[in-house]
N, C-alpha and C. Protein backbone atom coordinates (compact mmCIF):
# COMPACT_ATOMS: atom_id res chain seq x y z
N MET A 1 6.64 50.98 98.45
CA MET A 1 6.34 52.33 98.24
C MET A 1 5.29 52.86 99.73
N ASN A 2 4.73 52.00 100.17
CA ASN A 2 4.05 52.19 101.66
C ASN A 2 5.15 52.75 102.47
N ALA A 3 6.41 52.20 102.42
CA ALA A 3 7.36 52.50 103.45
C ALA A 3 7.57 53.86 103.29
N ILE A 4 7.88 53.97 102.09
CA ILE A 4 8.69 55.58 101.41
C ILE A 4 7.73 56.77 102.10
N LYS A 5 6.38 56.35 101.43
CA LYS A 5 5.42 57.39 102.03
C LYS A 5 5.16 57.57 103.18
N GLY A 6 5.19 56.30 104.42
CA GLY A 6 5.24 56.33 105.59
C GLY A 6 6.09 57.05 106.04
N GLU A 7 7.50 56.88 105.36
CA GLU A 7 8.63 57.60 106.14
C GLU A 7 8.29 59.28 105.88
N ALA A 8 7.91 59.79 104.76
CA ALA A 8 7.78 61.20 104.47
C ALA A 8 6.47 61.41 105.05
N ASN A 9 5.44 60.90 105.51
CA ASN A 9 4.63 61.41 106.46
C ASN A 9 5.42 61.68 107.71
N ALA A 10 6.29 60.78 108.55
CA ALA A 10 6.73 61.02 109.66
C ALA A 10 7.71 62.13 109.59
N VAL A 11 8.40 62.10 108.50
CA VAL A 11 9.39 63.40 108.47
C VAL A 11 8.44 64.45 108.33
N ASN A 12 7.52 64.76 107.41
CA ASN A 12 6.79 66.00 107.64
C ASN A 12 6.03 65.91 108.54
N LYS A 13 5.55 65.08 109.55
CA LYS A 13 5.29 65.45 110.81
C LYS A 13 6.22 66.13 111.87
N ARG A 14 7.53 65.80 111.46
CA ARG A 14 8.40 66.36 112.53
C ARG A 14 8.82 67.82 112.30
N ARG A 15 8.68 67.68 111.01
CA ARG A 15 8.82 69.11 110.40
C ARG A 15 7.47 70.09 110.54
N GLY A 16 6.51 69.91 111.48
CA GLY A 16 5.28 70.54 111.72
C GLY A 16 4.68 70.70 110.66
N TRP A 17 4.18 70.14 109.78
CA TRP A 17 3.01 70.20 109.06
C TRP A 17 2.23 69.12 109.36
N LYS A 18 0.92 69.93 109.55
CA LYS A 18 -0.24 69.32 110.05
C LYS A 18 -0.90 68.26 109.35
N GLN A 19 -0.75 68.49 107.91
CA GLN A 19 -1.29 67.09 106.92
C GLN A 19 -0.53 67.26 105.75
N PRO A 20 -0.28 65.94 105.12
CA PRO A 20 0.46 65.65 103.90
C PRO A 20 0.10 66.69 102.98
N LEU A 21 -0.93 67.27 102.47
CA LEU A 21 -1.55 67.92 101.51
C LEU A 21 -0.86 69.28 101.80
N ASP A 22 -0.41 69.77 103.05
CA ASP A 22 0.16 71.10 103.06
C ASP A 22 1.49 71.10 102.72
N VAL A 23 2.08 70.12 102.85
CA VAL A 23 3.49 70.29 102.09
C VAL A 23 3.41 70.70 100.45
N SER A 24 2.55 69.61 99.85
CA SER A 24 2.43 70.11 98.28
C SER A 24 1.78 71.45 98.18
N LEU A 25 0.91 72.10 98.76
CA LEU A 25 0.33 73.30 98.68
C LEU A 25 1.46 74.30 98.83
N HIS A 26 2.18 74.20 99.86
CA HIS A 26 3.25 75.04 100.10
C HIS A 26 4.40 75.09 99.02
N ASN A 27 4.52 73.99 98.45
CA ASN A 27 5.61 73.93 97.65
C ASN A 27 5.22 74.30 96.07
N ASN A 28 4.02 74.12 95.96
CA ASN A 28 3.46 74.77 94.88
C ASN A 28 2.89 76.33 94.68
N ALA A 29 2.99 76.54 95.97
CA ALA A 29 2.55 78.12 96.01
C ALA A 29 1.08 78.14 96.06
N VAL A 30 0.20 77.28 96.55
CA VAL A 30 -1.28 77.34 96.31
C VAL A 30 -1.63 77.37 97.78
N SER A 31 -2.72 78.44 97.82
CA SER A 31 -3.53 78.75 99.44
C SER A 31 -4.38 77.37 99.56
N GLN A 32 -4.97 77.21 100.59
CA GLN A 32 -5.87 76.07 101.06
C GLN A 32 -7.09 76.46 100.31
N ALA A 33 -7.62 77.60 100.21
CA ALA A 33 -8.79 78.11 99.72
C ALA A 33 -8.68 77.99 98.18
N THR A 34 -7.81 78.16 97.62
CA THR A 34 -7.41 77.92 96.12
C THR A 34 -7.81 76.54 95.86
N PHE A 35 -7.00 75.84 96.71
CA PHE A 35 -6.99 74.25 96.16
C PHE A 35 -8.69 74.02 96.60
N ASP A 36 -9.36 74.16 97.57
CA ASP A 36 -10.78 73.95 97.81
C ASP A 36 -11.64 74.51 96.75
N ALA A 37 -11.17 75.58 96.14
CA ALA A 37 -12.15 75.97 94.94
C ALA A 37 -11.84 75.25 93.63
N MET A 38 -10.44 74.73 93.61
CA MET A 38 -10.30 73.92 92.26
C MET A 38 -10.85 72.53 92.62
N GLN A 39 -10.90 72.10 93.91
CA GLN A 39 -11.31 70.56 93.93
C GLN A 39 -12.88 70.74 93.89
N ALA A 40 -13.67 71.71 94.30
CA ALA A 40 -15.00 72.15 94.13
C ALA A 40 -15.56 72.04 92.73
N ALA A 41 -14.68 72.50 91.80
CA ALA A 41 -14.67 72.70 90.50
C ALA A 41 -14.84 71.42 89.81
N VAL A 42 -13.81 70.71 90.27
CA VAL A 42 -13.77 69.25 89.73
C VAL A 42 -14.88 68.39 90.05
N THR A 43 -15.38 68.49 91.57
CA THR A 43 -16.23 67.73 91.94
C THR A 43 -17.46 68.15 91.02
N ALA A 44 -17.78 69.40 90.82
CA ALA A 44 -19.02 69.88 90.07
C ALA A 44 -19.06 69.55 88.90
N SER A 45 -18.05 69.10 87.86
CA SER A 45 -17.74 69.00 86.60
C SER A 45 -17.69 67.38 86.26
N LEU A 46 -17.46 66.47 87.21
CA LEU A 46 -17.55 65.05 87.19
C LEU A 46 -19.09 64.60 86.61
N PRO A 47 -20.10 64.76 86.92
CA PRO A 47 -21.31 64.38 86.14
C PRO A 47 -21.12 64.72 84.86
N ASP A 48 -20.75 65.86 84.31
CA ASP A 48 -20.65 66.01 83.05
C ASP A 48 -19.53 65.09 82.28
N PHE A 49 -18.74 64.77 82.87
CA PHE A 49 -17.34 64.32 82.24
C PHE A 49 -17.82 62.74 82.48
N ARG A 50 -18.59 62.33 83.05
CA ARG A 50 -19.03 60.98 83.15
C ARG A 50 -20.10 60.78 82.07
N ALA A 51 -21.25 61.71 81.69
CA ALA A 51 -22.19 61.55 80.77
C ALA A 51 -21.10 61.58 79.28
N TRP A 52 -20.34 62.47 79.40
CA TRP A 52 -19.48 62.40 77.94
C TRP A 52 -18.46 61.10 77.70
N MET A 53 -18.05 60.77 78.87
CA MET A 53 -17.42 59.33 78.68
C MET A 53 -18.55 58.37 78.35
N LYS A 54 -19.50 58.25 78.68
CA LYS A 54 -20.42 57.34 78.50
C LYS A 54 -21.13 57.37 76.89
N VAL A 55 -20.99 58.63 76.50
CA VAL A 55 -21.36 58.85 75.11
C VAL A 55 -20.48 58.33 74.21
N LYS A 56 -19.07 58.79 74.62
CA LYS A 56 -18.01 58.52 73.91
C LYS A 56 -17.82 56.98 73.40
N ALA A 57 -18.47 56.07 74.73
CA ALA A 57 -18.41 54.86 74.80
C ALA A 57 -19.16 54.14 73.95
N LYS A 58 -20.13 54.56 73.68
CA LYS A 58 -21.36 54.34 73.17
C LYS A 58 -21.10 54.52 71.65
N LEU A 59 -20.38 55.79 70.99
CA LEU A 59 -19.88 56.01 69.93
C LEU A 59 -18.88 55.09 69.38
N HIS A 60 -18.31 54.52 70.27
CA HIS A 60 -17.32 53.26 70.27
C HIS A 60 -17.81 51.94 69.98
N GLY A 61 -19.20 51.93 70.42
CA GLY A 61 -19.85 50.69 70.04
C GLY A 61 -19.91 49.74 71.47
N HIS A 62 -19.66 50.46 72.43
CA HIS A 62 -19.85 49.93 73.81
C HIS A 62 -21.07 50.41 74.48
N ASP A 63 -21.74 49.23 75.36
CA ASP A 63 -22.93 49.94 75.99
C ASP A 63 -22.87 50.94 77.01
N GLY A 64 -21.63 51.24 77.00
CA GLY A 64 -21.66 52.53 78.10
C GLY A 64 -20.81 52.17 79.24
N SER A 65 -20.62 50.80 79.38
CA SER A 65 -20.29 50.38 80.45
C SER A 65 -18.72 50.38 80.56
N PRO A 66 -18.03 49.95 79.44
CA PRO A 66 -16.42 50.04 79.73
C PRO A 66 -15.91 51.33 79.52
N PHE A 67 -14.66 51.37 80.22
CA PHE A 67 -14.15 52.81 80.09
C PHE A 67 -13.45 52.86 78.74
N VAL A 68 -13.70 54.03 78.39
CA VAL A 68 -13.22 54.53 76.88
C VAL A 68 -11.89 55.70 77.67
N GLY A 69 -10.75 55.51 77.66
CA GLY A 69 -9.75 56.56 78.11
C GLY A 69 -10.15 57.95 77.69
N PRO A 70 -9.57 58.81 78.40
CA PRO A 70 -10.47 60.53 78.14
C PRO A 70 -9.22 60.65 76.66
N ARG A 71 -8.25 60.08 76.72
CA ARG A 71 -7.38 60.74 75.70
C ARG A 71 -7.93 60.11 74.04
N CYS A 72 -8.60 58.93 74.43
CA CYS A 72 -9.07 58.27 73.16
C CYS A 72 -10.01 58.91 72.38
N PRO A 73 -9.77 59.56 70.98
CA PRO A 73 -10.45 60.53 70.49
C PRO A 73 -12.01 59.61 70.00
N ALA A 74 -12.91 60.53 70.10
CA ALA A 74 -14.29 60.06 69.68
C ALA A 74 -14.07 60.00 68.00
N PRO A 75 -15.16 58.59 67.92
CA PRO A 75 -14.91 58.21 66.44
C PRO A 75 -15.89 58.96 65.58
N LEU A 76 -15.61 60.18 65.54
CA LEU A 76 -16.03 61.03 64.42
C LEU A 76 -16.06 61.03 63.20
N ARG A 77 -16.62 61.61 62.17
CA ARG A 77 -16.34 61.45 60.87
C ARG A 77 -15.14 61.83 60.34
N GLN A 78 -14.31 60.96 59.84
CA GLN A 78 -12.64 60.88 59.48
C GLN A 78 -12.86 61.29 58.27
N ARG A 79 -11.85 62.27 58.04
CA ARG A 79 -11.84 62.78 56.61
C ARG A 79 -10.57 62.08 56.09
N ARG A 80 -10.57 61.60 54.97
CA ARG A 80 -9.32 60.83 54.07
C ARG A 80 -8.74 61.70 53.12
N TYR A 81 -7.65 61.97 53.10
CA TYR A 81 -6.89 62.90 52.36
C TYR A 81 -6.11 62.29 51.48
N LEU A 82 -6.31 62.46 49.98
CA LEU A 82 -5.12 61.87 49.11
C LEU A 82 -3.91 62.94 48.99
N VAL A 83 -3.14 62.40 48.62
CA VAL A 83 -1.94 62.98 48.77
C VAL A 83 -1.92 64.27 47.72
N GLY A 84 -2.59 64.08 46.71
CA GLY A 84 -2.75 65.34 45.77
C GLY A 84 -3.66 66.53 46.41
N ARG A 85 -4.65 65.93 47.08
CA ARG A 85 -5.68 66.79 47.66
C ARG A 85 -5.08 67.59 48.78
N ARG A 86 -4.21 66.80 49.77
CA ARG A 86 -3.59 67.42 50.69
C ARG A 86 -2.71 68.46 50.24
N HIS A 87 -1.65 68.32 49.26
CA HIS A 87 -0.65 69.39 48.94
C HIS A 87 -1.53 70.50 47.95
N ARG A 88 -2.51 70.39 47.33
CA ARG A 88 -3.42 71.15 46.64
C ARG A 88 -3.93 72.19 47.56
N ASP A 89 -4.87 71.56 48.72
CA ASP A 89 -5.50 72.46 49.77
C ASP A 89 -4.49 73.02 50.55
N CYS A 90 -3.24 73.11 50.76
CA CYS A 90 -2.21 73.52 51.53
C CYS A 90 -2.09 75.15 51.37
N PRO A 91 -1.70 75.34 50.19
CA PRO A 91 -1.57 76.63 49.89
C PRO A 91 -2.58 77.60 50.26
N ARG A 92 -3.90 77.28 49.58
CA ARG A 92 -5.12 77.91 49.66
C ARG A 92 -5.46 78.34 51.35
N ARG A 93 -5.09 76.86 52.00
CA ARG A 93 -5.37 77.32 53.80
C ARG A 93 -3.96 77.98 54.24
N VAL A 94 -3.00 78.29 53.85
CA VAL A 94 -2.30 78.97 54.44
C VAL A 94 -2.34 80.25 53.83
N ARG A 95 -2.95 80.70 52.65
CA ARG A 95 -3.01 82.02 52.23
C ARG A 95 -4.24 82.50 53.19
N ARG A 96 -4.99 81.58 53.64
CA ARG A 96 -6.32 82.15 54.02
C ARG A 96 -5.77 82.81 55.76
N VAL A 97 -4.78 82.17 56.23
CA VAL A 97 -4.00 82.76 57.43
C VAL A 97 -3.18 83.99 57.35
N GLN A 98 -2.18 83.62 56.10
CA GLN A 98 -1.00 84.64 55.95
C GLN A 98 -1.52 85.12 54.48
N PRO A 99 -2.15 86.32 53.95
CA PRO A 99 -2.46 86.48 52.57
C PRO A 99 -0.91 86.64 52.03
N GLN A 100 -0.11 87.24 52.53
CA GLN A 100 1.23 87.46 51.81
C GLN A 100 2.17 86.02 52.07
N SER A 101 1.76 85.25 51.44
CA SER A 101 2.32 83.91 51.76
C SER A 101 3.12 83.87 50.61
N TRP A 102 4.42 82.96 51.07
CA TRP A 102 5.51 82.74 49.89
C TRP A 102 4.98 81.58 49.03
N TRP A 103 3.84 81.08 49.71
CA TRP A 103 3.15 79.68 48.73
C TRP A 103 2.98 80.29 47.21
N PRO A 104 3.37 79.26 46.32
CA PRO A 104 3.26 79.61 44.71
C PRO A 104 1.56 79.52 44.46
N SER A 105 0.93 80.40 43.57
CA SER A 105 -0.34 80.56 43.23
C SER A 105 -0.56 79.46 42.29
């Protein structure tokens, strides 16, 4: 992998790119100023993200130190549906969104 990246860096240098990031910015039609603004926004939001991850780890029963993945859902109240209730609630919920629904009454 290092050899491949090293070759890509050498080729990009021969093509006149000043830094490896310039190639990606050009290929994605993003200006350096836009990239810097996005990077600053990410950096500014990291403390909040870290705090949320600690809270989520505590909700999972950890002391806040283990990493709980960002896609791991927070263990909030889980609603259990019985088959009858799920099917009974479906027409009412659809009617709320679509009053002229084809669901039978």
